[in-house]
Amino acid sequence: MVSVFLDAVPANLLVARAVCGDNEANNATFFCIGLLIRIRGDKKLVLNRESIERAIGRKLTENEWQSVTWNYIGVISKSAQNELVFEDSEESKVMDEYWDKRLESLKK
């Protein structure tokens, strides 16, 4: 599994929907955890800048685009002007398992 975390603000809900739509083949899903949105995919998540900009109805600043790389689980295998690719790693399997257990305990 690979995960990307965003601040839970209305625009980022639109971003999460767009990313999940673009990553259906990787079973991408998202959900809110307090003040964070966790976007999760099976083996990789591809974030397409144009798709995200369409979802929020405006261009992203460079700082906004780069901020996506601040909180993630996995490795960044591609970092380009218009696309970021996050992929699964051994470390991400352990970290995702940790998050899954924490979230299960919150549901109880």
PDB file of N, CA and C in Angstrom:
ATOM      1  N   MET A   1       0.828  -1.190   0.000  1.00  0.00           N
ATOM      2  CA  MET A   1       0.000   0.000   0.000  1.00  0.00           C
ATOM      3  C   MET A   1       0.871   1.251   0.000  1.00  0.00           C
ATOM      4  N   VAL A   2       0.311   2.293  -0.523  1.00  0.00           N
ATOM      5  CA  VAL A   2       0.959   3.596  -0.514  1.00  0.00           C
ATOM      6  C   VAL A   2      -0.102   4.616  -0.113  1.00  0.00           C
ATOM      7  N   SER A   3       0.299   5.620   0.653  1.00  0.00           N
ATOM      8  CA  SER A   3      -0.646   6.630   1.121  1.00  0.00           C
ATOM      9  C   SER A   3      -0.060   8.022   0.971  1.00  0.00           C
ATOM     10  N   VAL A   4      -0.945   8.969   0.684  1.00  0.00           N
ATOM     11  CA  VAL A   4      -0.601  10.386   0.655  1.00  0.00           C
ATOM     12  C   VAL A   4      -1.590  11.069   1.591  1.00  0.00           C
ATOM     13  N   PHE A   5      -1.092  11.962   2.424  1.00  0.00           N
ATOM     14  CA  PHE A   5      -1.928  12.669   3.395  1.00  0.00           C
ATOM     15  C   PHE A   5      -2.009  14.149   3.027  1.00  0.00           C
ATOM     16  N   LEU A   6      -3.216  14.690   3.065  1.00  0.00           N
ATOM     17  CA  LEU A   6      -3.458  16.105   2.791  1.00  0.00           C
ATOM     18  C   LEU A   6      -4.217  16.711   3.960  1.00  0.00           C
ATOM     19  N   ASP A   7      -4.111  18.028   4.105  1.00  0.00           N
ATOM     20  CA  ASP A   7      -4.928  18.715   5.105  1.00  0.00           C
ATOM     21  C   ASP A   7      -6.400  18.561   4.728  1.00  0.00           C
ATOM     22  N   ALA A   8      -7.240  18.365   5.716  1.00  0.00           N
ATOM     23  CA  ALA A   8      -8.673  18.170   5.475  1.00  0.00           C
ATOM     24  C   ALA A   8      -9.371  19.520   5.327  1.00  0.00           C
ATOM     25  N   VAL A   9      -9.231  20.106   4.156  1.00  0.00           N
ATOM     26  CA  VAL A   9      -9.925  21.344   3.804  1.00  0.00           C
ATOM     27  C   VAL A   9     -10.783  21.039   2.573  1.00  0.00           C
ATOM     28  N   PRO A  10     -11.837  21.822   2.327  1.00  0.00           N
ATOM     29  CA  PRO A  10     -12.753  21.500   1.227  1.00  0.00           C
ATOM     30  C   PRO A  10     -12.079  21.283  -0.132  1.00  0.00           C
ATOM     31  N   ALA A  11     -11.124  22.117  -0.495  1.00  0.00           N
ATOM     32  CA  ALA A  11     -10.460  21.948  -1.797  1.00  0.00           C
ATOM     33  C   ALA A  11      -9.746  20.604  -1.885  1.00  0.00           C
ATOM     34  N   ASN A  12      -9.173  20.152  -0.783  1.00  0.00           N
ATOM     35  CA  ASN A  12      -8.459  18.877  -0.805  1.00  0.00           C
ATOM     36  C   ASN A  12      -9.400  17.676  -0.891  1.00  0.00           C
ATOM     37  N   LEU A  13     -10.651  17.841  -0.493  1.00  0.00           N
ATOM     38  CA  LEU A  13     -11.629  16.774  -0.727  1.00  0.00           C
ATOM     39  C   LEU A  13     -11.843  16.593  -2.223  1.00  0.00           C
ATOM     40  N   LEU A  14     -11.876  17.701  -2.952  1.00  0.00           N
ATOM     41  CA  LEU A  14     -11.987  17.634  -4.413  1.00  0.00           C
ATOM     42  C   LEU A  14     -10.747  16.983  -5.013  1.00  0.00           C
ATOM     43  N   VAL A  15      -9.582  17.325  -4.468  1.00  0.00           N
ATOM     44  CA  VAL A  15      -8.323  16.726  -4.918  1.00  0.00           C
ATOM     45  C   VAL A  15      -8.356  15.219  -4.684  1.00  0.00           C
ATOM     46  N   ALA A  16      -8.772  14.804  -3.510  1.00  0.00           N
ATOM     47  CA  ALA A  16      -8.815  13.376  -3.178  1.00  0.00           C
ATOM     48  C   ALA A  16      -9.738  12.620  -4.130  1.00  0.00           C
ATOM     49  N   ARG A  17     -10.895  13.190  -4.438  1.00  0.00           N
ATOM     50  CA  ARG A  17     -11.813  12.539  -5.383  1.00  0.00           C
ATOM     51  C   ARG A  17     -11.170  12.400  -6.757  1.00  0.00           C
ATOM     52  N   ALA A  18     -10.484  13.454  -7.204  1.00  0.00           N
ATOM     53  CA  ALA A  18      -9.830  13.415  -8.517  1.00  0.00           C
ATOM     54  C   ALA A  18      -8.717  12.372  -8.548  1.00  0.00           C
ATOM     55  N   VAL A  19      -7.894  12.340  -7.511  1.00  0.00           N
ATOM     56  CA  VAL A  19      -6.789  11.373  -7.454  1.00  0.00           C
ATOM     57  C   VAL A  19      -7.339   9.947  -7.443  1.00  0.00           C
ATOM     58  N   CYS A  20      -8.376   9.710  -6.669  1.00  0.00           N
ATOM     59  CA  CYS A  20      -8.961   8.364  -6.623  1.00  0.00           C
ATOM     60  C   CYS A  20      -9.569   7.985  -7.973  1.00  0.00           C
ATOM     61  N   GLY A  21     -10.191   8.945  -8.633  1.00  0.00           N
ATOM     62  CA  GLY A  21     -10.735   8.676  -9.964  1.00  0.00           C
ATOM     63  C   GLY A  21      -9.650   8.315 -10.961  1.00  0.00           C
ATOM     64  N   ASP A  22      -8.521   9.003 -10.878  1.00  0.00           N
ATOM     65  CA  ASP A  22      -7.393   8.725 -11.773  1.00  0.00           C
ATOM     66  C   ASP A  22      -6.698   7.411 -11.444  1.00  0.00           C
ATOM     67  N   ASN A  23      -6.878   6.911 -10.229  1.00  0.00           N
ATOM     68  CA  ASN A  23      -6.159   5.721  -9.764  1.00  0.00           C
ATOM     69  C   ASN A  23      -7.090   4.550  -9.444  1.00  0.00           C
ATOM     70  N   GLU A  24      -8.186   4.447 -10.169  1.00  0.00           N
ATOM     71  CA  GLU A  24      -9.125   3.340  -9.939  1.00  0.00           C
ATOM     72  C   GLU A  24      -8.455   1.984 -10.098  1.00  0.00           C
ATOM     73  N   ALA A  25      -7.530   1.865 -11.047  1.00  0.00           N
ATOM     74  CA  ALA A  25      -6.843   0.588 -11.290  1.00  0.00           C
ATOM     75  C   ALA A  25      -6.020   0.146 -10.080  1.00  0.00           C
ATOM     76  N   ASN A  26      -5.635   1.095  -9.236  1.00  0.00           N
ATOM     77  CA  ASN A  26      -4.866   0.796  -8.022  1.00  0.00           C
ATOM     78  C   ASN A  26      -5.751   0.783  -6.780  1.00  0.00           C
ATOM     79  N   ASN A  27      -7.067   0.676  -6.994  1.00  0.00           N
ATOM     80  CA  ASN A  27      -8.033   0.622  -5.886  1.00  0.00           C
ATOM     81  C   ASN A  27      -7.870   1.786  -4.917  1.00  0.00           C
ATOM     82  N   ALA A  28      -7.677   2.974  -5.454  1.00  0.00           N
ATOM     83  CA  ALA A  28      -7.474   4.155  -4.615  1.00  0.00           C
ATOM     84  C   ALA A  28      -8.760   4.529  -3.885  1.00  0.00           C
ATOM     85  N   THR A  29      -8.598   4.860  -2.615  1.00  0.00           N
ATOM     86  CA  THR A  29      -9.702   5.324  -1.782  1.00  0.00           C
ATOM     87  C   THR A  29      -9.194   6.481  -0.925  1.00  0.00           C
ATOM     88  N   PHE A  30     -10.126   7.227  -0.360  1.00  0.00           N
ATOM     89  CA  PHE A  30      -9.724   8.270   0.585  1.00  0.00           C
ATOM     90  C   PHE A  30     -10.723   8.325   1.720  1.00  0.00           C
ATOM     91  N   PHE A  31     -10.251   8.813   2.844  1.00  0.00           N
ATOM     92  CA  PHE A  31     -11.122   9.053   3.987  1.00  0.00           C
ATOM     93  C   PHE A  31     -10.454  10.065   4.900  1.00  0.00           C
ATOM     94  N   CYS A  32     -11.277  10.711   5.704  1.00  0.00           N
ATOM     95  CA  CYS A  32     -10.779  11.736   6.625  1.00  0.00           C
ATOM     96  C   CYS A  32     -10.414  11.113   7.961  1.00  0.00           C
ATOM     97  N   ILE A  33      -9.290  11.570   8.486  1.00  0.00           N
ATOM     98  CA  ILE A  33      -8.810  11.167   9.807  1.00  0.00           C
ATOM     99  C   ILE A  33      -8.568  12.471  10.559  1.00  0.00           C
ATOM    100  N   GLY A  34      -9.515  12.915  11.325  1.00  0.00           N
ATOM    101  CA  GLY A  34      -9.346  14.183  12.030  1.00  0.00           C
ATOM    102  C   GLY A  34      -9.112  15.319  11.052  1.00  0.00           C
ATOM    103  N   LEU A  35      -7.941  15.930  11.132  1.00  0.00           N
ATOM    104  CA  LEU A  35      -7.614  17.061  10.269  1.00  0.00           C
ATOM    105  C   LEU A  35      -6.837  16.659   9.021  1.00  0.00           C
ATOM    106  N   LEU A  36      -6.799  15.355   8.725  1.00  0.00           N
ATOM    107  CA  LEU A  36      -6.081  14.860   7.553  1.00  0.00           C
ATOM    108  C   LEU A  36      -7.009  14.068   6.641  1.00  0.00           C
ATOM    109  N   ILE A  37      -6.655  14.053   5.369  1.00  0.00           N
ATOM    110  CA  ILE A  37      -7.278  13.168   4.393  1.00  0.00           C
ATOM    111  C   ILE A  37      -6.211  12.160   3.999  1.00  0.00           C
ATOM    112  N   ARG A  38      -6.548  10.891   4.085  1.00  0.00           N
ATOM    113  CA  ARG A  38      -5.615   9.842   3.662  1.00  0.00           C
ATOM    114  C   ARG A  38      -6.094   9.293   2.320  1.00  0.00           C
ATOM    115  N   ILE A  39      -5.242   9.419   1.297  1.00  0.00           N
ATOM    116  CA  ILE A  39      -5.507   8.828  -0.010  1.00  0.00           C
ATOM    117  C   ILE A  39      -4.624   7.592  -0.090  1.00  0.00           C
ATOM    118  N   ARG A  40      -5.237   6.455  -0.391  1.00  0.00           N
ATOM    119  CA  ARG A  40      -4.509   5.192  -0.325  1.00  0.00           C
ATOM    120  C   ARG A  40      -4.705   4.394  -1.609  1.00  0.00           C
ATOM    121  N   GLY A  41      -3.628   3.766  -2.076  1.00  0.00           N
ATOM    122  CA  GLY A  41      -3.698   2.917  -3.259  1.00  0.00           C
ATOM    123  C   GLY A  41      -2.927   1.631  -3.042  1.00  0.00           C
ATOM    124  N   ASP A  42      -3.210   0.629  -3.864  1.00  0.00           N
ATOM    125  CA  ASP A  42      -2.577  -0.680  -3.691  1.00  0.00           C
ATOM    126  C   ASP A  42      -1.067  -0.654  -3.902  1.00  0.00           C
ATOM    127  N   LYS A  43      -0.615  -0.327  -5.087  1.00  0.00           N
ATOM    128  CA  LYS A  43       0.819  -0.389  -5.375  1.00  0.00           C
ATOM    129  C   LYS A  43       1.420   0.970  -5.686  1.00  0.00           C
ATOM    130  N   LYS A  44       0.593   1.870  -6.214  1.00  0.00           N
ATOM    131  CA  LYS A  44       1.094   3.212  -6.493  1.00  0.00           C
ATOM    132  C   LYS A  44      -0.060   4.191  -6.605  1.00  0.00           C
ATOM    133  N   LEU A  45       0.277   5.448  -6.438  1.00  0.00           N
ATOM    134  CA  LEU A  45      -0.652   6.553  -6.656  1.00  0.00           C
ATOM    135  C   LEU A  45       0.017   7.523  -7.615  1.00  0.00           C
ATOM    136  N   VAL A  46      -0.699   7.883  -8.665  1.00  0.00           N
ATOM    137  CA  VAL A  46      -0.200   8.855  -9.627  1.00  0.00           C
ATOM    138  C   VAL A  46      -1.023  10.119  -9.441  1.00  0.00           C
ATOM    139  N   LEU A  47      -0.348  11.218  -9.149  1.00  0.00           N
ATOM    140  CA  LEU A  47      -1.026  12.499  -9.003  1.00  0.00           C
ATOM    141  C   LEU A  47      -0.740  13.327 -10.242  1.00  0.00           C
ATOM    142  N   ASN A  48      -1.795  13.606 -10.986  1.00  0.00           N
ATOM    143  CA  ASN A  48      -1.694  14.365 -12.220  1.00  0.00           C
ATOM    144  C   ASN A  48      -2.108  15.804 -11.935  1.00  0.00           C
ATOM    145  N   ARG A  49      -1.193  16.710 -12.160  1.00  0.00           N
ATOM    146  CA  ARG A  49      -1.439  18.117 -11.821  1.00  0.00           C
ATOM    147  C   ARG A  49      -2.647  18.683 -12.562  1.00  0.00           C
ATOM    148  N   GLU A  50      -2.773  18.390 -13.849  1.00  0.00           N
ATOM    149  CA  GLU A  50      -3.893  18.924 -14.631  1.00  0.00           C
ATOM    150  C   GLU A  50      -5.233  18.425 -14.095  1.00  0.00           C
ATOM    151  N   SER A  51      -5.289  17.175 -13.717  1.00  0.00           N
ATOM    152  CA  SER A  51      -6.512  16.603 -13.162  1.00  0.00           C
ATOM    153  C   SER A  51      -6.886  17.287 -11.847  1.00  0.00           C
ATOM    154  N   ILE A  52      -5.888  17.527 -11.013  1.00  0.00           N
ATOM    155  CA  ILE A  52      -6.126  18.200  -9.734  1.00  0.00           C
ATOM    156  C   ILE A  52      -6.585  19.635  -9.963  1.00  0.00           C
ATOM    157  N   GLU A  53      -5.946  20.324 -10.902  1.00  0.00           N
ATOM    158  CA  GLU A  53      -6.332  21.711 -11.189  1.00  0.00           C
ATOM    159  C   GLU A  53      -7.750  21.791 -11.740  1.00  0.00           C
ATOM    160  N   ARG A  54      -8.140  20.830 -12.564  1.00  0.00           N
ATOM    161  CA  ARG A  54      -9.532  20.784 -13.051  1.00  0.00           C
ATOM    162  C   ARG A  54     -10.499  20.595 -11.885  1.00  0.00           C
ATOM    163  N   ALA A  55     -10.121  19.731 -10.958  1.00  0.00           N
ATOM    164  CA  ALA A  55     -11.003  19.434  -9.819  1.00  0.00           C
ATOM    165  C   ALA A  55     -11.244  20.656  -8.939  1.00  0.00           C
ATOM    166  N   ILE A  56     -10.199  21.459  -8.726  1.00  0.00           N
ATOM    167  CA  ILE A  56     -10.359  22.621  -7.838  1.00  0.00           C
ATOM    168  C   ILE A  56     -10.694  23.902  -8.596  1.00  0.00           C
ATOM    169  N   GLY A  57     -10.640  23.846  -9.919  1.00  0.00           N
ATOM    170  CA  GLY A  57     -11.048  24.989 -10.732  1.00  0.00           C
ATOM    171  C   GLY A  57     -10.042  26.112 -10.821  1.00  0.00           C
ATOM    172  N   ARG A  58      -8.776  25.812 -10.572  1.00  0.00           N
ATOM    173  CA  ARG A  58      -7.734  26.834 -10.699  1.00  0.00           C
ATOM    174  C   ARG A  58      -6.369  26.166 -10.790  1.00  0.00           C
ATOM    175  N   LYS A  59      -5.377  26.962 -11.169  1.00  0.00           N
ATOM    176  CA  LYS A  59      -3.995  26.476 -11.229  1.00  0.00           C
ATOM    177  C   LYS A  59      -3.427  26.358  -9.818  1.00  0.00           C
ATOM    178  N   LEU A  60      -2.551  25.377  -9.624  1.00  0.00           N
ATOM    179  CA  LEU A  60      -1.834  25.235  -8.361  1.00  0.00           C
ATOM    180  C   LEU A  60      -0.584  26.100  -8.372  1.00  0.00           C
ATOM    181  N   THR A  61      -0.239  26.658  -7.237  1.00  0.00           N
ATOM    182  CA  THR A  61       1.053  27.328  -7.123  1.00  0.00           C
ATOM    183  C   THR A  61       2.125  26.246  -6.989  1.00  0.00           C
ATOM    184  N   GLU A  62       3.361  26.622  -7.201  1.00  0.00           N
ATOM    185  CA  GLU A  62       4.451  25.648  -7.045  1.00  0.00           C
ATOM    186  C   GLU A  62       4.510  25.124  -5.613  1.00  0.00           C
ATOM    187  N   ASN A  63       4.295  26.001  -4.641  1.00  0.00           N
ATOM    188  CA  ASN A  63       4.302  25.560  -3.240  1.00  0.00           C
ATOM    189  C   ASN A  63       3.192  24.552  -2.965  1.00  0.00           C
ATOM    190  N   GLU A  64       2.008  24.784  -3.518  1.00  0.00           N
ATOM    191  CA  GLU A  64       0.904  23.838  -3.329  1.00  0.00           C
ATOM    192  C   GLU A  64       1.238  22.487  -3.958  1.00  0.00           C
ATOM    193  N   TRP A  65       1.793  22.511  -5.161  1.00  0.00           N
ATOM    194  CA  TRP A  65       2.143  21.271  -5.848  1.00  0.00           C
ATOM    195  C   TRP A  65       3.211  20.505  -5.067  1.00  0.00           C
ATOM    196  N   GLN A  66       4.209  21.197  -4.591  1.00  0.00           N
ATOM    197  CA  GLN A  66       5.287  20.542  -3.852  1.00  0.00           C
ATOM    198  C   GLN A  66       4.832  20.072  -2.472  1.00  0.00           C
ATOM    199  N   SER A  67       3.824  20.714  -1.907  1.00  0.00           N
ATOM    200  CA  SER A  67       3.370  20.342  -0.562  1.00  0.00           C
ATOM    201  C   SER A  67       2.792  18.932  -0.510  1.00  0.00           C
ATOM    202  N   VAL A  68       2.396  18.390  -1.648  1.00  0.00           N
ATOM    203  CA  VAL A  68       1.872  17.026  -1.690  1.00  0.00           C
ATOM    204  C   VAL A  68       2.931  16.029  -1.231  1.00  0.00           C
ATOM    205  N   THR A  69       4.189  16.380  -1.390  1.00  0.00           N
ATOM    206  CA  THR A  69       5.276  15.452  -1.043  1.00  0.00           C
ATOM    207  C   THR A  69       5.669  15.528   0.428  1.00  0.00           C
ATOM    208  N   TRP A  70       4.983  16.323   1.225  1.00  0.00           N
ATOM    209  CA  TRP A  70       5.358  16.482   2.630  1.00  0.00           C
ATOM    210  C   TRP A  70       4.950  15.304   3.497  1.00  0.00           C
ATOM    211  N   ASN A  71       3.791  14.727   3.247  1.00  0.00           N
ATOM    212  CA  ASN A  71       3.272  13.642   4.089  1.00  0.00           C
ATOM    213  C   ASN A  71       2.808  12.480   3.220  1.00  0.00           C
ATOM    214  N   TYR A  72       3.626  11.457   3.172  1.00  0.00           N
ATOM    215  CA  TYR A  72       3.267  10.286   2.378  1.00  0.00           C
ATOM    216  C   TYR A  72       3.928   9.050   2.965  1.00  0.00           C
ATOM    217  N   ILE A  73       3.410   7.893   2.574  1.00  0.00           N
ATOM    218  CA  ILE A  73       4.000   6.615   2.948  1.00  0.00           C
ATOM    219  C   ILE A  73       4.310   5.892   1.646  1.00  0.00           C
ATOM    220  N   GLY A  74       5.552   5.548   1.441  1.00  0.00           N
ATOM    221  CA  GLY A  74       6.008   4.912   0.211  1.00  0.00           C
ATOM    222  C   GLY A  74       7.253   5.624  -0.270  1.00  0.00           C
ATOM    223  N   VAL A  75       7.509   5.544  -1.558  1.00  0.00           N
ATOM    224  CA  VAL A  75       8.641   6.251  -2.150  1.00  0.00           C
ATOM    225  C   VAL A  75       8.139   7.056  -3.342  1.00  0.00           C
ATOM    226  N   ILE A  76       8.795   8.167  -3.595  1.00  0.00           N
ATOM    227  CA  ILE A  76       8.470   8.959  -4.779  1.00  0.00           C
ATOM    228  C   ILE A  76       9.337   8.419  -5.908  1.00  0.00           C
ATOM    229  N   SER A  77       8.699   7.818  -6.916  1.00  0.00           N
ATOM    230  CA  SER A  77       9.461   7.262  -8.031  1.00  0.00           C
ATOM    231  C   SER A  77       9.528   8.222  -9.212  1.00  0.00           C
ATOM    232  N   LYS A  78       8.664   9.233  -9.211  1.00  0.00           N
ATOM    233  CA  LYS A  78       8.709  10.250 -10.261  1.00  0.00           C
ATOM    234  C   LYS A  78       8.227  11.566  -9.676  1.00  0.00           C
ATOM    235  N   SER A  79       9.000  12.599  -9.915  1.00  0.00           N
ATOM    236  CA  SER A  79       8.629  13.938  -9.470  1.00  0.00           C
ATOM    237  C   SER A  79       8.856  14.888 -10.637  1.00  0.00           C
ATOM    238  N   ALA A  80       7.774  15.242 -11.303  1.00  0.00           N
ATOM    239  CA  ALA A  80       7.865  16.108 -12.472  1.00  0.00           C
ATOM    240  C   ALA A  80       6.940  17.307 -12.289  1.00  0.00           C
ATOM    241  N   GLN A  81       7.031  18.222 -13.216  1.00  0.00           N
ATOM    242  CA  GLN A  81       6.226  19.443 -13.172  1.00  0.00           C
ATOM    243  C   GLN A  81       4.726  19.141 -13.176  1.00  0.00           C
ATOM    244  N   ASN A  82       4.328  18.083 -13.889  1.00  0.00           N
ATOM    245  CA  ASN A  82       2.908  17.781 -14.035  1.00  0.00           C
ATOM    246  C   ASN A  82       2.473  16.435 -13.473  1.00  0.00           C
ATOM    247  N   GLU A  83       3.404  15.694 -12.867  1.00  0.00           N
ATOM    248  CA  GLU A  83       3.033  14.379 -12.356  1.00  0.00           C
ATOM    249  C   GLU A  83       3.937  13.956 -11.206  1.00  0.00           C
ATOM    250  N   LEU A  84       3.316  13.404 -10.173  1.00  0.00           N
ATOM    251  CA  LEU A  84       4.041  12.793  -9.058  1.00  0.00           C
ATOM    252  C   LEU A  84       3.584  11.346  -8.957  1.00  0.00           C
ATOM    253  N   VAL A  85       4.551  10.440  -8.782  1.00  0.00           N
ATOM    254  CA  VAL A  85       4.217   9.025  -8.644  1.00  0.00           C
ATOM    255  C   VAL A  85       4.778   8.528  -7.319  1.00  0.00           C
ATOM    256  N   PHE A  86       3.881   8.018  -6.486  1.00  0.00           N
ATOM    257  CA  PHE A  86       4.243   7.428  -5.200  1.00  0.00           C
ATOM    258  C   PHE A  86       4.065   5.922  -5.338  1.00  0.00           C
ATOM    259  N   GLU A  87       5.083   5.149  -4.930  1.00  0.00           N
ATOM    260  CA  GLU A  87       5.001   3.694  -5.056  1.00  0.00           C
ATOM    261  C   GLU A  87       5.219   3.007  -3.718  1.00  0.00           C
ATOM    262  N   ASP A  88       4.728   1.791  -3.662  1.00  0.00           N
ATOM    263  CA  ASP A  88       4.835   0.939  -2.489  1.00  0.00           C
ATOM    264  C   ASP A  88       6.297   0.617  -2.189  1.00  0.00           C
ATOM    265  N   SER A  89       6.603   0.397  -0.922  1.00  0.00           N
ATOM    266  CA  SER A  89       7.945  -0.016  -0.504  1.00  0.00           C
ATOM    267  C   SER A  89       7.796  -0.922   0.717  1.00  0.00           C
ATOM    268  N   GLU A  90       8.865  -1.545   1.127  1.00  0.00           N
ATOM    269  CA  GLU A  90       8.812  -2.386   2.330  1.00  0.00           C
ATOM    270  C   GLU A  90       8.419  -1.555   3.549  1.00  0.00           C
ATOM    271  N   GLU A  91       8.992  -0.375   3.648  1.00  0.00           N
ATOM    272  CA  GLU A  91       8.665   0.515   4.767  1.00  0.00           C
ATOM    273  C   GLU A  91       7.191   0.915   4.743  1.00  0.00           C
ATOM    274  N   SER A  92       6.669   1.184   3.544  1.00  0.00           N
ATOM    275  CA  SER A  92       5.276   1.626   3.469  1.00  0.00           C
ATOM    276  C   SER A  92       4.314   0.524   3.897  1.00  0.00           C
ATOM    277  N   LYS A  93       4.678  -0.726   3.653  1.00  0.00           N
ATOM    278  CA  LYS A  93       3.815  -1.829   4.093  1.00  0.00           C
ATOM    279  C   LYS A  93       3.682  -1.824   5.612  1.00  0.00           C
ATOM    280  N   VAL A  94       4.786  -1.605   6.293  1.00  0.00           N
ATOM    281  CA  VAL A  94       4.780  -1.566   7.761  1.00  0.00           C
ATOM    282  C   VAL A  94       4.000  -0.347   8.254  1.00  0.00           C
ATOM    283  N   MET A  95       4.259   0.811   7.656  1.00  0.00           N
ATOM    284  CA  MET A  95       3.585   2.042   8.084  1.00  0.00           C
ATOM    285  C   MET A  95       2.083   1.993   7.801  1.00  0.00           C
ATOM    286  N   ASP A  96       1.698   1.472   6.643  1.00  0.00           N
ATOM    287  CA  ASP A  96       0.272   1.368   6.336  1.00  0.00           C
ATOM    288  C   ASP A  96      -0.427   0.413   7.290  1.00  0.00           C
ATOM    289  N   GLU A  97       0.242  -0.660   7.646  1.00  0.00           N
ATOM    290  CA  GLU A  97      -0.323  -1.601   8.617  1.00  0.00           C
ATOM    291  C   GLU A  97      -0.546  -0.901   9.960  1.00  0.00           C
ATOM    292  N   TYR A  98       0.428  -0.084  10.358  1.00  0.00           N
ATOM    293  CA  TYR A  98       0.309   0.690  11.598  1.00  0.00           C
ATOM    294  C   TYR A  98      -0.918   1.602  11.530  1.00  0.00           C
ATOM    295  N   TRP A  99      -1.065   2.363  10.439  1.00  0.00           N
ATOM    296  CA  TRP A  99      -2.197   3.270  10.298  1.00  0.00           C
ATOM    297  C   TRP A  99      -3.514   2.505  10.284  1.00  0.00           C
ATOM    298  N   ASP A 100      -3.538   1.374   9.597  1.00  0.00           N
ATOM    299  CA  ASP A 100      -4.768   0.579   9.554  1.00  0.00           C
ATOM    300  C   ASP A 100      -5.187   0.131  10.951  1.00  0.00           C
ATOM    301  N   LYS A 101      -4.230  -0.309  11.751  1.00  0.00           N
ATOM    302  CA  LYS A 101      -4.538  -0.737  13.124  1.00  0.00           C
ATOM    303  C   LYS A 101      -5.025   0.434  13.966  1.00  0.00           C
ATOM    304  N   ARG A 102      -4.382   1.580  13.817  1.00  0.00           N
ATOM    305  CA  ARG A 102      -4.812   2.769  14.570  1.00  0.00           C
ATOM    306  C   ARG A 102      -6.239   3.156  14.207  1.00  0.00           C
ATOM    307  N   LEU A 103      -6.542   3.127  12.927  1.00  0.00           N
ATOM    308  CA  LEU A 103      -7.880   3.506  12.487  1.00  0.00           C
ATOM    309  C   LEU A 103      -8.930   2.508  12.955  1.00  0.00           C
ATOM    310  N   GLU A 104      -8.597   1.240  12.958  1.00  0.00           N
ATOM    311  CA  GLU A 104      -9.522   0.226  13.468  1.00  0.00           C
ATOM    312  C   GLU A 104      -9.823   0.464  14.943  1.00  0.00           C
ATOM    313  N   SER A 105      -8.794   0.838  15.704  1.00  0.00           N
ATOM    314  CA  SER A 105      -9.009   1.084  17.134  1.00  0.00           C
ATOM    315  C   SER A 105      -9.900   2.307  17.358  1.00  0.00           C
ATOM    316  N   LEU A 106      -9.864   3.271  16.453  1.00  0.00           N
ATOM    317  CA  LEU A 106     -10.733   4.442  16.575  1.00  0.00           C
ATOM    318  C   LEU A 106     -12.191   4.103  16.295  1.00  0.00           C
ATOM    319  N   LYS A 107     -12.413   3.113  15.455  1.00  0.00           N
ATOM    320  CA  LYS A 107     -13.778   2.724  15.103  1.00  0.00           C
ATOM    321  C   LYS A 107     -14.489   2.007  16.240  1.00  0.00           C
ATOM    322  N   LYS A 108     -13.721   1.452  17.178  1.00  0.00           N
ATOM    323  CA  LYS A 108     -14.317   0.669  18.273  1.00  0.00           C
ATOM    324  C   LYS A 108     -14.914   1.532  19.340  1.00  0.00           C
TER     325      LYS A 108
END
